[in-house]
Amino acid sequence: MIFNEIIEESKLNAWNRLIQTLDKIFGFKSNGKARVRRVSQKFDQKNGEHVILLEYRVKAANQSPIKTNITKVNLSSDKDKKK
């Protein structure tokens, strides 16, 4: 059992291991619905540190998008009004 888990973990790349760890931390099942992306990266000169913002998205099995009834407003530019 432990041997199989070690083999499976060795097949994962760093991003997949991060997703798996975040799934465990936040209590989501690892079903392939989660993803991580780097939002931004900068250097904090005051502290001498690299700052990297990551976005972790996961869709749980019992969740669905919230539907809203917002209608789109047709906006036209001033150039269109002059014609």
PDB file of N, CA and C in Angstrom:
ATOM      1  N   MET A   1       0.832  -1.192   0.000  1.00  0.00           N
ATOM      2  CA  MET A   1       0.000   0.000   0.000  1.00  0.00           C
ATOM      3  C   MET A   1       0.877   1.257   0.000  1.00  0.00           C
ATOM      4  N   ILE A   2       1.805   1.355   0.925  1.00  0.00           N
ATOM      5  CA  ILE A   2       2.680   2.525   1.004  1.00  0.00           C
ATOM      6  C   ILE A   2       3.587   2.571  -0.218  1.00  0.00           C
ATOM      7  N   PHE A   3       4.029   1.400  -0.670  1.00  0.00           N
ATOM      8  CA  PHE A   3       4.891   1.327  -1.845  1.00  0.00           C
ATOM      9  C   PHE A   3       4.174   1.890  -3.073  1.00  0.00           C
ATOM     10  N   ASN A   4       2.908   1.555  -3.245  1.00  0.00           N
ATOM     11  CA  ASN A   4       2.124   2.070  -4.374  1.00  0.00           C
ATOM     12  C   ASN A   4       1.964   3.587  -4.303  1.00  0.00           C
ATOM     13  N   GLU A   5       1.765   4.124  -3.112  1.00  0.00           N
ATOM     14  CA  GLU A   5       1.643   5.572  -2.944  1.00  0.00           C
ATOM     15  C   GLU A   5       2.953   6.275  -3.296  1.00  0.00           C
ATOM     16  N   ILE A   6       4.057   5.678  -2.917  1.00  0.00           N
ATOM     17  CA  ILE A   6       5.364   6.264  -3.233  1.00  0.00           C
ATOM     18  C   ILE A   6       5.586   6.271  -4.738  1.00  0.00           C
ATOM     19  N   ILE A   7       5.210   5.189  -5.417  1.00  0.00           N
ATOM     20  CA  ILE A   7       5.354   5.120  -6.869  1.00  0.00           C
ATOM     21  C   ILE A   7       4.478   6.167  -7.543  1.00  0.00           C
ATOM     22  N   GLU A   8       3.244   6.323  -7.092  1.00  0.00           N
ATOM     23  CA  GLU A   8       2.331   7.316  -7.668  1.00  0.00           C
ATOM     24  C   GLU A   8       2.853   8.729  -7.459  1.00  0.00           C
ATOM     25  N   GLU A   9       3.382   9.016  -6.276  1.00  0.00           N
ATOM     26  CA  GLU A   9       3.906  10.353  -5.998  1.00  0.00           C
ATOM     27  C   GLU A   9       5.145  10.656  -6.833  1.00  0.00           C
ATOM     28  N   SER A  10       5.947   9.649  -7.133  1.00  0.00           N
ATOM     29  CA  SER A  10       7.142   9.876  -7.930  1.00  0.00           C
ATOM     30  C   SER A  10       6.799  10.211  -9.376  1.00  0.00           C
ATOM     31  N   LYS A  11       5.610   9.830  -9.841  1.00  0.00           N
ATOM     32  CA  LYS A  11       5.179  10.129 -11.208  1.00  0.00           C
ATOM     33  C   LYS A  11       4.677  11.565 -11.350  1.00  0.00           C
ATOM     34  N   LEU A  12       4.366  12.202 -10.236  1.00  0.00           N
ATOM     35  CA  LEU A  12       3.801  13.544 -10.276  1.00  0.00           C
ATOM     36  C   LEU A  12       4.887  14.587 -10.485  1.00  0.00           C
ATOM     37  N   ASN A  13       4.548  15.638 -11.252  1.00  0.00           N
ATOM     38  CA  ASN A  13       5.477  16.759 -11.349  1.00  0.00           C
ATOM     39  C   ASN A  13       5.220  17.706 -10.168  1.00  0.00           C
ATOM     40  N   ALA A  14       5.991  18.755 -10.075  1.00  0.00           N
ATOM     41  CA  ALA A  14       5.915  19.647  -8.913  1.00  0.00           C
ATOM     42  C   ALA A  14       4.552  20.314  -8.778  1.00  0.00           C
ATOM     43  N   TRP A  15       3.955  20.732  -9.893  1.00  0.00           N
ATOM     44  CA  TRP A  15       2.646  21.402  -9.838  1.00  0.00           C
ATOM     45  C   TRP A  15       1.562  20.438  -9.370  1.00  0.00           C
ATOM     46  N   ASN A  16       1.614  19.199  -9.853  1.00  0.00           N
ATOM     47  CA  ASN A  16       0.614  18.217  -9.435  1.00  0.00           C
ATOM     48  C   ASN A  16       0.763  17.863  -7.961  1.00  0.00           C
ATOM     49  N   ARG A  17       2.010  17.821  -7.478  1.00  0.00           N
ATOM     50  CA  ARG A  17       2.222  17.576  -6.052  1.00  0.00           C
ATOM     51  C   ARG A  17       1.679  18.739  -5.225  1.00  0.00           C
ATOM     52  N   LEU A  18       1.846  19.968  -5.729  1.00  0.00           N
ATOM     53  CA  LEU A  18       1.305  21.142  -5.037  1.00  0.00           C
ATOM     54  C   LEU A  18      -0.214  21.068  -4.967  1.00  0.00           C
ATOM     55  N   ILE A  19      -0.849  20.710  -6.072  1.00  0.00           N
ATOM     56  CA  ILE A  19      -2.318  20.577  -6.099  1.00  0.00           C
ATOM     57  C   ILE A  19      -2.758  19.508  -5.121  1.00  0.00           C
ATOM     58  N   GLN A  20      -2.069  18.388  -5.103  1.00  0.00           N
ATOM     59  CA  GLN A  20      -2.414  17.301  -4.199  1.00  0.00           C
ATOM     60  C   GLN A  20      -2.281  17.746  -2.739  1.00  0.00           C
ATOM     61  N   THR A  21      -1.238  18.505  -2.434  1.00  0.00           N
ATOM     62  CA  THR A  21      -1.036  19.002  -1.078  1.00  0.00           C
ATOM     63  C   THR A  21      -2.115  19.996  -0.693  1.00  0.00           C
ATOM     64  N   LEU A  22      -2.451  20.913  -1.605  1.00  0.00           N
ATOM     65  CA  LEU A  22      -3.510  21.891  -1.315  1.00  0.00           C
ATOM     66  C   LEU A  22      -4.862  21.202  -1.153  1.00  0.00           C
ATOM     67  N   ASP A  23      -5.118  20.168  -1.932  1.00  0.00           N
ATOM     68  CA  ASP A  23      -6.355  19.396  -1.771  1.00  0.00           C
ATOM     69  C   ASP A  23      -6.439  18.808  -0.367  1.00  0.00           C
ATOM     70  N   LYS A  24      -5.332  18.274   0.121  1.00  0.00           N
ATOM     71  CA  LYS A  24      -5.311  17.697   1.467  1.00  0.00           C
ATOM     72  C   LYS A  24      -5.485  18.775   2.527  1.00  0.00           C
ATOM     73  N   ILE A  25      -4.818  19.929   2.342  1.00  0.00           N
ATOM     74  CA  ILE A  25      -4.903  21.009   3.328  1.00  0.00           C
ATOM     75  C   ILE A  25      -6.334  21.531   3.450  1.00  0.00           C
ATOM     76  N   PHE A  26      -6.992  21.751   2.316  1.00  0.00           N
ATOM     77  CA  PHE A  26      -8.326  22.344   2.322  1.00  0.00           C
ATOM     78  C   PHE A  26      -9.450  21.321   2.350  1.00  0.00           C
ATOM     79  N   GLY A  27      -9.114  20.033   2.325  1.00  0.00           N
ATOM     80  CA  GLY A  27     -10.121  18.988   2.503  1.00  0.00           C
ATOM     81  C   GLY A  27     -10.892  18.620   1.252  1.00  0.00           C
ATOM     82  N   PHE A  28     -10.329  18.811   0.074  1.00  0.00           N
ATOM     83  CA  PHE A  28     -10.982  18.409  -1.162  1.00  0.00           C
ATOM     84  C   PHE A  28     -10.423  17.072  -1.620  1.00  0.00           C
ATOM     85  N   LYS A  29     -11.255  16.300  -2.288  1.00  0.00           N
ATOM     86  CA  LYS A  29     -10.791  15.023  -2.826  1.00  0.00           C
ATOM     87  C   LYS A  29     -10.000  15.283  -4.093  1.00  0.00           C
ATOM     88  N   SER A  30      -8.926  14.553  -4.277  1.00  0.00           N
ATOM     89  CA  SER A  30      -8.095  14.699  -5.475  1.00  0.00           C
ATOM     90  C   SER A  30      -8.771  13.984  -6.632  1.00  0.00           C
ATOM     91  N   ASN A  31      -9.584  14.717  -7.380  1.00  0.00           N
ATOM     92  CA  ASN A  31     -10.303  14.101  -8.499  1.00  0.00           C
ATOM     93  C   ASN A  31      -9.941  14.743  -9.835  1.00  0.00           C
ATOM     94  N   GLY A  32      -8.860  15.504  -9.862  1.00  0.00           N
ATOM     95  CA  GLY A  32      -8.426  16.113 -11.113  1.00  0.00           C
ATOM     96  C   GLY A  32      -9.140  17.387 -11.485  1.00  0.00           C
ATOM     97  N   LYS A  33      -9.995  17.905 -10.608  1.00  0.00           N
ATOM     98  CA  LYS A  33     -10.747  19.122 -10.903  1.00  0.00           C
ATOM     99  C   LYS A  33     -10.039  20.383 -10.423  1.00  0.00           C
ATOM    100  N   ALA A  34      -8.920  20.246  -9.735  1.00  0.00           N
ATOM    101  CA  ALA A  34      -8.220  21.407  -9.184  1.00  0.00           C
ATOM    102  C   ALA A  34      -7.103  21.844 -10.131  1.00  0.00           C
ATOM    103  N   ARG A  35      -6.781  23.144 -10.051  1.00  0.00           N
ATOM    104  CA  ARG A  35      -5.674  23.659 -10.848  1.00  0.00           C
ATOM    105  C   ARG A  35      -5.034  24.839 -10.113  1.00  0.00           C
ATOM    106  N   VAL A  36      -3.761  25.031 -10.408  1.00  0.00           N
ATOM    107  CA  VAL A  36      -2.986  26.117  -9.813  1.00  0.00           C
ATOM    108  C   VAL A  36      -2.330  26.884 -10.938  1.00  0.00           C
ATOM    109  N   ARG A  37      -2.327  28.208 -10.816  1.00  0.00           N
ATOM    110  CA  ARG A  37      -1.612  29.020 -11.800  1.00  0.00           C
ATOM    111  C   ARG A  37      -0.936  30.175 -11.079  1.00  0.00           C
ATOM    112  N   ARG A  38       0.159  30.623 -11.666  1.00  0.00           N
ATOM    113  CA  ARG A  38       0.886  31.764 -11.116  1.00  0.00           C
ATOM    114  C   ARG A  38       0.213  33.031 -11.620  1.00  0.00           C
ATOM    115  N   VAL A  39      -0.281  33.840 -10.699  1.00  0.00           N
ATOM    116  CA  VAL A  39      -0.970  35.079 -11.050  1.00  0.00           C
ATOM    117  C   VAL A  39       0.037  36.187 -11.308  1.00  0.00           C
ATOM    118  N   SER A  40       0.965  36.360 -10.404  1.00  0.00           N
ATOM    119  CA  SER A  40       1.985  37.392 -10.586  1.00  0.00           C
ATOM    120  C   SER A  40       3.228  37.033  -9.785  1.00  0.00           C
ATOM    121  N   GLN A  41       4.305  37.716 -10.141  1.00  0.00           N
ATOM    122  CA  GLN A  41       5.572  37.505  -9.459  1.00  0.00           C
ATOM    123  C   GLN A  41       6.304  38.835  -9.434  1.00  0.00           C
ATOM    124  N   LYS A  42       6.864  39.174  -8.279  1.00  0.00           N
ATOM    125  CA  LYS A  42       7.613  40.421  -8.168  1.00  0.00           C
ATOM    126  C   LYS A  42       8.699  40.249  -7.111  1.00  0.00           C
ATOM    127  N   PHE A  43       9.557  41.225  -7.023  1.00  0.00           N
ATOM    128  CA  PHE A  43      10.636  41.229  -6.031  1.00  0.00           C
ATOM    129  C   PHE A  43      10.390  42.367  -5.065  1.00  0.00           C
ATOM    130  N   ASP A  44      10.294  42.051  -3.779  1.00  0.00           N
ATOM    131  CA  ASP A  44      10.114  43.051  -2.732  1.00  0.00           C
ATOM    132  C   ASP A  44      11.493  43.552  -2.316  1.00  0.00           C
ATOM    133  N   GLN A  45      11.852  44.749  -2.786  1.00  0.00           N
ATOM    134  CA  GLN A  45      13.187  45.285  -2.524  1.00  0.00           C
ATOM    135  C   GLN A  45      13.388  45.637  -1.056  1.00  0.00           C
ATOM    136  N   LYS A  46      12.321  46.004  -0.391  1.00  0.00           N
ATOM    137  CA  LYS A  46      12.433  46.385   1.012  1.00  0.00           C
ATOM    138  C   LYS A  46      12.872  45.203   1.874  1.00  0.00           C
ATOM    139  N   ASN A  47      12.308  44.035   1.613  1.00  0.00           N
ATOM    140  CA  ASN A  47      12.626  42.853   2.415  1.00  0.00           C
ATOM    141  C   ASN A  47      13.596  41.905   1.721  1.00  0.00           C
ATOM    142  N   GLY A  48      13.864  42.140   0.436  1.00  0.00           N
ATOM    143  CA  GLY A  48      14.748  41.263  -0.309  1.00  0.00           C
ATOM    144  C   GLY A  48      14.152  39.892  -0.571  1.00  0.00           C
ATOM    145  N   GLU A  49      12.848  39.854  -0.848  1.00  0.00           N
ATOM    146  CA  GLU A  49      12.144  38.578  -1.032  1.00  0.00           C
ATOM    147  C   GLU A  49      11.432  38.545  -2.379  1.00  0.00           C
ATOM    148  N   HIS A  50      11.352  37.361  -2.948  1.00  0.00           N
ATOM    149  CA  HIS A  50      10.517  37.153  -4.117  1.00  0.00           C
ATOM    150  C   HIS A  50       9.098  36.907  -3.629  1.00  0.00           C
ATOM    151  N   VAL A  51       8.126  37.542  -4.260  1.00  0.00           N
ATOM    152  CA  VAL A  51       6.719  37.377  -3.905  1.00  0.00           C
ATOM    153  C   VAL A  51       6.012  36.788  -5.114  1.00  0.00           C
ATOM    154  N   ILE A  52       5.427  35.620  -4.935  1.00  0.00           N
ATOM    155  CA  ILE A  52       4.718  34.946  -6.016  1.00  0.00           C
ATOM    156  C   ILE A  52       3.294  34.684  -5.556  1.00  0.00           C
ATOM    157  N   LEU A  53       2.317  35.208  -6.310  1.00  0.00           N
ATOM    158  CA  LEU A  53       0.912  34.991  -5.993  1.00  0.00           C
ATOM    159  C   LEU A  53       0.394  33.840  -6.846  1.00  0.00           C
ATOM    160  N   LEU A  54      -0.160  32.830  -6.174  1.00  0.00           N
ATOM    161  CA  LEU A  54      -0.724  31.671  -6.851  1.00  0.00           C
ATOM    162  C   LEU A  54      -2.229  31.678  -6.694  1.00  0.00           C
ATOM    163  N   GLU A  55      -2.906  31.156  -7.694  1.00  0.00           N
ATOM    164  CA  GLU A  55      -4.355  30.998  -7.635  1.00  0.00           C
ATOM    165  C   GLU A  55      -4.660  29.502  -7.655  1.00  0.00           C
ATOM    166  N   TYR A  56      -5.375  29.039  -6.653  1.00  0.00           N
ATOM    167  CA  TYR A  56      -5.761  27.633  -6.524  1.00  0.00           C
ATOM    168  C   TYR A  56      -7.257  27.552  -6.737  1.00  0.00           C
ATOM    169  N   ARG A  57      -7.687  26.841  -7.759  1.00  0.00           N
ATOM    170  CA  ARG A  57      -9.111  26.688  -8.056  1.00  0.00           C
ATOM    171  C   ARG A  57      -9.475  25.224  -7.986  1.00  0.00           C
ATOM    172  N   VAL A  58     -10.583  24.957  -7.335  1.00  0.00           N
ATOM    173  CA  VAL A  58     -11.060  23.578  -7.233  1.00  0.00           C
ATOM    174  C   VAL A  58     -12.584  23.589  -7.309  1.00  0.00           C
ATOM    175  N   LYS A  59     -13.124  22.614  -7.996  1.00  0.00           N
ATOM    176  CA  LYS A  59     -14.572  22.495  -8.106  1.00  0.00           C
ATOM    177  C   LYS A  59     -14.982  21.224  -7.374  1.00  0.00           C
ATOM    178  N   ALA A  60     -15.724  21.405  -6.297  1.00  0.00           N
ATOM    179  CA  ALA A  60     -16.185  20.264  -5.517  1.00  0.00           C
ATOM    180  C   ALA A  60     -17.367  19.613  -6.229  1.00  0.00           C
ATOM    181  N   ALA A  61     -17.602  18.366  -5.933  1.00  0.00           N
ATOM    182  CA  ALA A  61     -18.650  17.604  -6.615  1.00  0.00           C
ATOM    183  C   ALA A  61     -20.044  18.165  -6.339  1.00  0.00           C
ATOM    184  N   ASN A  62     -20.259  18.718  -5.153  1.00  0.00           N
ATOM    185  CA  ASN A  62     -21.600  19.184  -4.785  1.00  0.00           C
ATOM    186  C   ASN A  62     -21.809  20.676  -5.039  1.00  0.00           C
ATOM    187  N   GLN A  63     -20.929  21.318  -5.782  1.00  0.00           N
ATOM    188  CA  GLN A  63     -21.053  22.751  -6.046  1.00  0.00           C
ATOM    189  C   GLN A  63     -21.318  23.000  -7.518  1.00  0.00           C
ATOM    190  N   SER A  64     -22.108  24.025  -7.776  1.00  0.00           N
ATOM    191  CA  SER A  64     -22.373  24.432  -9.153  1.00  0.00           C
ATOM    192  C   SER A  64     -22.310  25.956  -9.220  1.00  0.00           C
ATOM    193  N   PRO A  65     -22.129  26.513 -10.418  1.00  0.00           N
ATOM    194  CA  PRO A  65     -22.072  27.975 -10.539  1.00  0.00           C
ATOM    195  C   PRO A  65     -23.395  28.621 -10.121  1.00  0.00           C
ATOM    196  N   ILE A  66     -23.299  29.818  -9.584  1.00  0.00           N
ATOM    197  CA  ILE A  66     -24.485  30.578  -9.196  1.00  0.00           C
ATOM    198  C   ILE A  66     -24.932  31.367 -10.409  1.00  0.00           C
ATOM    199  N   LYS A  67     -26.163  31.136 -10.826  1.00  0.00           N
ATOM    200  CA  LYS A  67     -26.684  31.817 -12.004  1.00  0.00           C
ATOM    201  C   LYS A  67     -27.306  33.145 -11.588  1.00  0.00           C
ATOM    202  N   THR A  68     -27.006  34.190 -12.353  1.00  0.00           N
ATOM    203  CA  THR A  68     -27.550  35.508 -12.080  1.00  0.00           C
ATOM    204  C   THR A  68     -28.362  35.966 -13.280  1.00  0.00           C
ATOM    205  N   ASN A  69     -29.260  36.887 -13.049  1.00  0.00           N
ATOM    206  CA  ASN A  69     -30.107  37.424 -14.109  1.00  0.00           C
ATOM    207  C   ASN A  69     -29.671  38.828 -14.484  1.00  0.00           C
ATOM    208  N   ILE A  70     -28.421  38.978 -14.826  1.00  0.00           N
ATOM    209  CA  ILE A  70     -27.892  40.275 -15.224  1.00  0.00           C
ATOM    210  C   ILE A  70     -27.976  40.368 -16.743  1.00  0.00           C
ATOM    211  N   THR A  71     -28.622  41.428 -17.217  1.00  0.00           N
ATOM    212  CA  THR A  71     -28.731  41.612 -18.660  1.00  0.00           C
ATOM    213  C   THR A  71     -27.597  42.507 -19.129  1.00  0.00           C
ATOM    214  N   LYS A  72     -27.130  42.252 -20.307  1.00  0.00           N
ATOM    215  CA  LYS A  72     -26.051  43.061 -20.869  1.00  0.00           C
ATOM    216  C   LYS A  72     -26.620  44.364 -21.413  1.00  0.00           C
ATOM    217  N   VAL A  73     -25.939  45.443 -21.127  1.00  0.00           N
ATOM    218  CA  VAL A  73     -26.335  46.756 -21.607  1.00  0.00           C
ATOM    219  C   VAL A  73     -25.568  47.022 -22.893  1.00  0.00           C
ATOM    220  N   ASN A  74     -26.268  47.435 -23.922  1.00  0.00           N
ATOM    221  CA  ASN A  74     -25.627  47.721 -25.195  1.00  0.00           C
ATOM    222  C   ASN A  74     -25.041  49.127 -25.141  1.00  0.00           C
ATOM    223  N   LEU A  75     -23.745  49.205 -25.012  1.00  0.00           N
ATOM    224  CA  LEU A  75     -23.050  50.486 -24.943  1.00  0.00           C
ATOM    225  C   LEU A  75     -22.440  50.776 -26.304  1.00  0.00           C
ATOM    226  N   SER A  76     -22.662  51.982 -26.786  1.00  0.00           N
ATOM    227  CA  SER A  76     -22.062  52.379 -28.044  1.00  0.00           C
ATOM    228  C   SER A  76     -21.119  53.554 -27.798  1.00  0.00           C
ATOM    229  N   SER A  77     -20.116  53.643 -28.588  1.00  0.00           N
ATOM    230  CA  SER A  77     -19.141  54.713 -28.403  1.00  0.00           C
ATOM    231  C   SER A  77     -19.687  56.021 -28.993  1.00  0.00           C
ATOM    232  N   ASP A  78     -19.021  57.113 -28.663  1.00  0.00           N
ATOM    233  CA  ASP A  78     -19.425  58.431 -29.173  1.00  0.00           C
ATOM    234  C   ASP A  78     -19.268  58.479 -30.685  1.00  0.00           C
ATOM    235  N   LYS A  79     -18.321  57.754 -31.226  1.00  0.00           N
ATOM    236  CA  LYS A  79     -18.113  57.747 -32.682  1.00  0.00           C
ATOM    237  C   LYS A  79     -19.327  57.168 -33.398  1.00  0.00           C
ATOM    238  N   ASP A  80     -19.935  56.125 -32.795  1.00  0.00           N
ATOM    239  CA  ASP A  80     -21.116  55.515 -33.401  1.00  0.00           C
ATOM    240  C   ASP A  80     -22.316  56.450 -33.375  1.00  0.00           C
ATOM    241  N   LYS A  81     -22.410  57.260 -32.355  1.00  0.00           N
ATOM    242  CA  LYS A  81     -23.548  58.180 -32.224  1.00  0.00           C
ATOM    243  C   LYS A  81     -23.473  59.307 -33.261  1.00  0.00           C
ATOM    244  N   LYS A  82     -22.271  59.722 -33.638  1.00  0.00           N
ATOM    245  CA  LYS A  82     -22.101  60.816 -34.583  1.00  0.00           C
ATOM    246  C   LYS A  82     -22.477  60.413 -36.009  1.00  0.00           C
ATOM    247  N   LYS A  83     -22.405  59.144 -36.323  1.00  0.00           N
ATOM    248  CA  LYS A  83     -22.696  58.694 -37.695  1.00  0.00           C
ATOM    249  C   LYS A  83     -24.118  58.742 -38.024  1.00  0.00           C
TER     250      LYS A  83
END
